[in-house]
Amino acid sequence: MFFSAFREAVSLILQMDPTLWGVVRLTLGVSGSALVLAAVFGVPVGAFLGLRDFRGVRWLTAVIYTGMGLPPVVVGLVVFLLLSRQGILGRLGWLFTPTAMILAQTILALPLVTGVTMTAVRSINPELRPQLQTLGATDWQILRTILHEARFGVVVGLVAGFGAAISEVGAVMIVGGNIEGKTRVLTTAIVLETRQGHFDVALALGIILLSLAFLTNALAVHFQGYLESGRG
């Protein structure tokens, strides 16, 4: 059964089935947008927390680390309640749209990007910042230099955030509704096709999802190697 389903799955992929690839495009659009938002907010916040030592920073760190393990279904429930008609954001009309899915995935990816960036920044030699200040560097120049030194960790954080977003199923199912042609992404489509007994389609979607995850990590490894060679 597995091998026959696998052959059919490969055939579907090679035939460039429009429905199949429509799901892929929506998945990349939703998860890519969530990653961009998580990076825009997470990298600066992670760098700030990594550079600063103020009262309460340990509590913030604990909150961020806790957020790195947020249950997706809980995130989906909270976003659903916020976006429902009785919710404080209900008037936006985002529920059961890709926008709601982007919001849920951003919440899941943000702690990962922030936490890994913060850890990477803290791992940089603490003497670097005083040296830069002695040379007359501005705060922006100091931040840019430290982020450059911590770039490997930042890349890891971005990859982890994208992986958390693209592989998530519970939250996007709750806030997106798995509507065909509108909010159906790879993970929710796999669940649906498996329940309906369409194992060839589910397996094709699974192969594509794993391939995207592998490609993302391969690009990250290549990028890290490129930066390493450039530094050398």
Protein backbone atom coordinates (compact mmCIF):
# COMPACT_ATOMS: atom_id res chain seq x y z
CA MET A 1 0.00 0.00 0.00
CA PHE A 2 2.77 2.42 0.93
CA PHE A 3 4.77 1.89 -2.24
CA SER A 4 1.74 2.26 -4.52
CA ALA A 5 0.74 5.45 -2.72
CA PHE A 6 4.32 6.69 -2.98
CA ARG A 7 4.39 6.10 -6.74
CA GLU A 8 1.11 7.94 -7.15
CA ALA A 9 2.41 10.77 -4.98
CA VAL A 10 5.53 11.20 -7.09
CA SER A 11 3.37 11.13 -10.22
CA LEU A 12 1.15 13.90 -8.85
CA ILE A 13 4.19 16.03 -8.09
CA LEU A 14 5.73 15.51 -11.53
CA GLN A 15 2.42 16.25 -13.25
CA MET A 16 2.41 19.66 -11.56
CA ASP A 17 -1.15 19.20 -10.36
CA PRO A 18 -2.57 22.78 -10.12
CA THR A 19 -4.53 22.11 -6.93
CA LEU A 20 -1.46 20.64 -5.29
CA TRP A 21 0.79 23.53 -6.20
CA GLY A 22 -1.86 26.06 -5.28
CA VAL A 23 -1.64 24.73 -1.74
CA VAL A 24 2.16 25.01 -1.91
CA ARG A 25 2.03 28.65 -3.05
CA LEU A 26 -0.38 29.61 -0.28
CA THR A 27 1.78 27.79 2.28
CA LEU A 28 4.90 29.66 1.20
CA GLY A 29 3.02 32.96 1.17
CA VAL A 30 1.61 32.52 4.66
CA SER A 31 4.75 31.09 6.31
CA GLY A 32 7.06 33.47 4.46
CA SER A 33 5.03 36.47 5.59
CA ALA A 34 5.02 35.18 9.16
CA LEU A 35 8.80 34.77 9.06
CA VAL A 36 9.31 38.31 7.76
CA LEU A 37 7.17 39.73 10.56
CA ALA A 38 8.91 37.58 13.17
CA ALA A 39 12.30 38.73 11.88
CA VAL A 40 11.34 42.42 11.78
CA PHE A 41 10.29 42.34 15.44
CA GLY A 42 12.27 39.40 16.82
CA VAL A 43 15.80 40.19 15.67
CA PRO A 44 15.91 43.76 17.09
CA VAL A 45 14.24 42.71 20.35
CA GLY A 46 16.54 39.72 20.71
CA ALA A 47 19.58 41.89 20.05
CA PHE A 48 18.40 44.50 22.56
CA LEU A 49 17.84 41.92 25.29
CA GLY A 50 21.16 40.30 24.50
CA LEU A 51 23.02 43.59 24.88
CA ARG A 52 21.20 45.05 27.87
CA ASP A 53 21.31 44.02 31.49
CA PHE A 54 18.46 45.67 33.37
CA ARG A 55 16.08 44.80 36.13
CA GLY A 56 13.62 42.18 34.97
CA VAL A 57 15.66 40.97 31.99
CA ARG A 58 15.80 37.47 33.47
CA TRP A 59 12.03 37.37 33.73
CA LEU A 60 11.72 38.51 30.12
CA THR A 61 14.19 35.82 29.11
CA ALA A 62 12.12 33.20 30.92
CA VAL A 63 8.98 34.45 29.15
CA ILE A 64 10.69 34.22 25.75
CA TYR A 65 12.02 30.72 26.44
CA THR A 66 8.54 29.67 27.53
CA GLY A 67 7.16 31.13 24.31
CA MET A 68 9.54 28.94 22.32
CA GLY A 69 7.44 25.97 23.43
CA LEU A 70 3.98 27.49 23.04
CA PRO A 71 1.32 24.85 22.25
CA PRO A 72 0.06 25.73 18.74
CA VAL A 73 -3.55 24.86 19.57
CA VAL A 74 -3.49 27.33 22.47
CA VAL A 75 -2.15 30.03 20.17
CA GLY A 76 -4.86 29.20 17.68
CA LEU A 77 -7.53 29.40 20.36
CA VAL A 78 -6.33 32.79 21.61
CA VAL A 79 -6.12 34.23 18.09
CA PHE A 80 -9.57 32.80 17.31
CA LEU A 81 -11.08 34.48 20.37
CA LEU A 82 -9.40 37.79 19.50
CA LEU A 83 -10.62 37.71 15.91
CA SER A 84 -14.12 36.35 16.54
CA ARG A 85 -17.08 38.69 16.29
CA GLN A 86 -17.11 39.14 20.07
CA GLY A 87 -13.32 39.58 20.19
CA ILE A 88 -11.50 42.88 20.46
CA LEU A 89 -10.18 42.49 16.90
CA GLY A 90 -13.38 41.07 15.46
CA ARG A 91 -14.19 44.15 13.41
CA LEU A 92 -11.11 43.50 11.26
CA GLY A 93 -12.80 40.49 9.66
CA TRP A 94 -9.60 38.44 9.59
CA LEU A 95 -11.00 35.16 10.90
CA PHE A 96 -10.81 32.30 8.38
CA THR A 97 -8.46 34.25 6.14
CA PRO A 98 -4.74 33.90 5.35
CA THR A 99 -4.15 37.02 7.46
CA ALA A 100 -5.35 35.19 10.59
CA MET A 101 -3.04 32.30 9.74
CA ILE A 102 -0.10 34.67 9.32
CA LEU A 103 -0.87 36.20 12.71
CA ALA A 104 -0.96 32.79 14.41
CA GLN A 105 2.26 31.63 12.75
CA THR A 106 4.00 34.91 13.59
CA ILE A 107 3.16 34.43 17.27
CA LEU A 108 4.65 30.93 17.12
CA ALA A 109 7.80 31.96 15.24
CA LEU A 110 8.50 35.20 17.12
CA PRO A 111 9.79 33.68 20.40
CA LEU A 112 12.12 31.35 18.47
CA VAL A 113 13.64 34.16 16.41
CA THR A 114 13.90 36.42 19.47
CA GLY A 115 15.30 33.78 21.80
CA VAL A 116 17.93 32.39 19.45
CA THR A 117 19.03 35.89 18.43
CA MET A 118 19.32 36.90 22.08
CA THR A 119 21.41 33.82 22.89
CA ALA A 120 23.64 34.42 19.85
CA VAL A 121 24.24 38.05 20.83
CA ARG A 122 25.06 37.08 24.42
CA SER A 123 27.64 34.57 23.16
CA ILE A 124 29.69 37.35 21.55
CA ASN A 125 32.83 38.44 23.39
CA PRO A 126 31.63 40.98 26.02
CA GLU A 127 34.77 43.06 25.45
CA LEU A 128 33.70 43.90 21.90
CA ARG A 129 31.17 46.53 22.88
CA PRO A 130 33.54 48.59 25.12
CA GLN A 131 36.16 48.45 22.38
CA LEU A 132 33.72 49.81 19.85
CA GLN A 133 32.62 52.54 22.23
CA THR A 134 36.26 53.50 22.74
CA LEU A 135 36.65 53.84 18.99
CA GLY A 136 33.69 56.23 18.93
CA ALA A 137 31.10 53.94 17.36
CA THR A 138 27.46 54.96 17.60
CA ASP A 139 24.81 52.70 19.16
CA TRP A 140 23.58 51.74 15.69
CA GLN A 141 27.12 50.88 14.55
CA ILE A 142 27.65 48.80 17.69
CA LEU A 143 24.40 46.94 17.15
CA ARG A 144 25.18 46.30 13.49
CA THR A 145 28.66 45.01 14.29
CA ILE A 146 27.45 42.70 17.05
CA LEU A 147 24.65 41.34 14.86
CA HIS A 148 27.23 40.74 12.15
CA GLU A 149 29.32 38.73 14.59
CA ALA A 150 26.23 36.83 15.74
CA ARG A 151 24.91 36.25 12.22
CA PHE A 152 25.25 32.48 12.39
CA GLY A 153 22.93 32.32 15.38
CA VAL A 154 20.52 34.77 13.77
CA VAL A 155 20.29 32.54 10.69
CA VAL A 156 19.58 29.54 12.92
CA GLY A 157 16.82 31.48 14.64
CA LEU A 158 15.24 32.43 11.33
CA VAL A 159 15.35 28.85 10.10
CA ALA A 160 13.83 27.63 13.36
CA GLY A 161 11.09 30.23 13.10
CA PHE A 162 10.27 29.26 9.52
CA GLY A 163 10.25 25.59 10.44
CA ALA A 164 7.83 26.24 13.29
CA ALA A 165 5.56 28.23 10.99
CA ILE A 166 5.45 25.97 7.96
CA SER A 167 5.03 22.72 9.93
CA GLU A 168 2.24 24.00 12.19
CA VAL A 169 -1.24 22.53 11.84
CA GLY A 170 -3.32 23.11 15.00
CA ALA A 171 -3.36 26.91 15.08
CA VAL A 172 -3.90 27.45 11.36
CA MET A 173 -6.68 24.86 11.35
CA ILE A 174 -8.50 26.78 14.09
CA VAL A 175 -8.12 30.29 12.68
CA GLY A 176 -8.05 29.41 8.97
CA GLY A 177 -10.70 26.75 8.74
CA ASN A 178 -8.92 24.75 6.00
CA ILE A 179 -11.04 26.30 3.22
CA GLU A 180 -10.16 24.95 -0.22
CA GLY A 181 -8.49 27.53 -2.43
CA LYS A 182 -8.44 30.09 0.36
CA THR A 183 -6.87 28.90 3.61
CA ARG A 184 -5.76 25.35 2.88
CA VAL A 185 -2.02 24.91 3.43
CA LEU A 186 0.23 21.87 3.31
CA THR A 187 -0.25 20.68 6.87
CA THR A 188 -4.02 21.09 6.97
CA ALA A 189 -4.35 19.54 3.52
CA ILE A 190 -2.37 16.50 4.69
CA VAL A 191 -4.76 16.03 7.60
CA LEU A 192 -7.81 16.34 5.35
CA GLU A 193 -6.55 14.03 2.62
CA THR A 194 -5.48 11.39 5.14
CA ARG A 195 -8.92 11.43 6.79
CA GLN A 196 -10.55 11.02 3.39
CA GLY A 197 -8.31 8.07 2.51
CA HIS A 198 -6.47 9.92 -0.29
CA PHE A 199 -3.09 8.67 0.84
CA ASP A 200 -1.36 9.40 -2.47
CA VAL A 201 -2.29 13.09 -2.29
CA ALA A 202 -1.42 13.27 1.42
CA LEU A 203 1.93 11.64 0.75
CA ALA A 204 2.63 14.01 -2.14
CA LEU A 205 1.94 16.97 0.13
CA GLY A 206 4.15 15.42 2.81
CA ILE A 207 7.02 14.97 0.36
CA ILE A 208 6.75 18.59 -0.70
CA LEU A 209 6.64 19.76 2.93
CA LEU A 210 9.74 17.73 3.83
CA SER A 211 11.49 18.98 0.69
CA LEU A 212 10.78 22.59 1.62
CA ALA A 213 12.12 21.99 5.13
CA PHE A 214 15.26 20.35 3.73
CA LEU A 215 15.76 23.12 1.18
CA THR A 216 15.45 25.79 3.88
CA ASN A 217 18.03 24.11 6.08
CA ALA A 218 20.34 23.43 3.13
CA LEU A 219 20.22 27.10 2.15
CA ALA A 220 20.94 28.10 5.75
CA VAL A 221 23.95 25.77 5.91
CA HIS A 222 25.19 27.07 2.56
CA PHE A 223 24.73 30.67 3.71
CA GLN A 224 26.60 29.99 6.94
CA GLY A 225 29.42 28.37 4.99
CA TYR A 226 29.54 31.37 2.66
CA LEU A 227 29.75 33.76 5.58
CA GLU A 228 32.38 31.62 7.27
CA SER A 229 34.56 31.59 4.16
CA GLY A 230 34.10 35.31 3.77
CA ARG A 231 35.17 35.90 7.35
CA GLY A 232 38.19 33.69 6.82
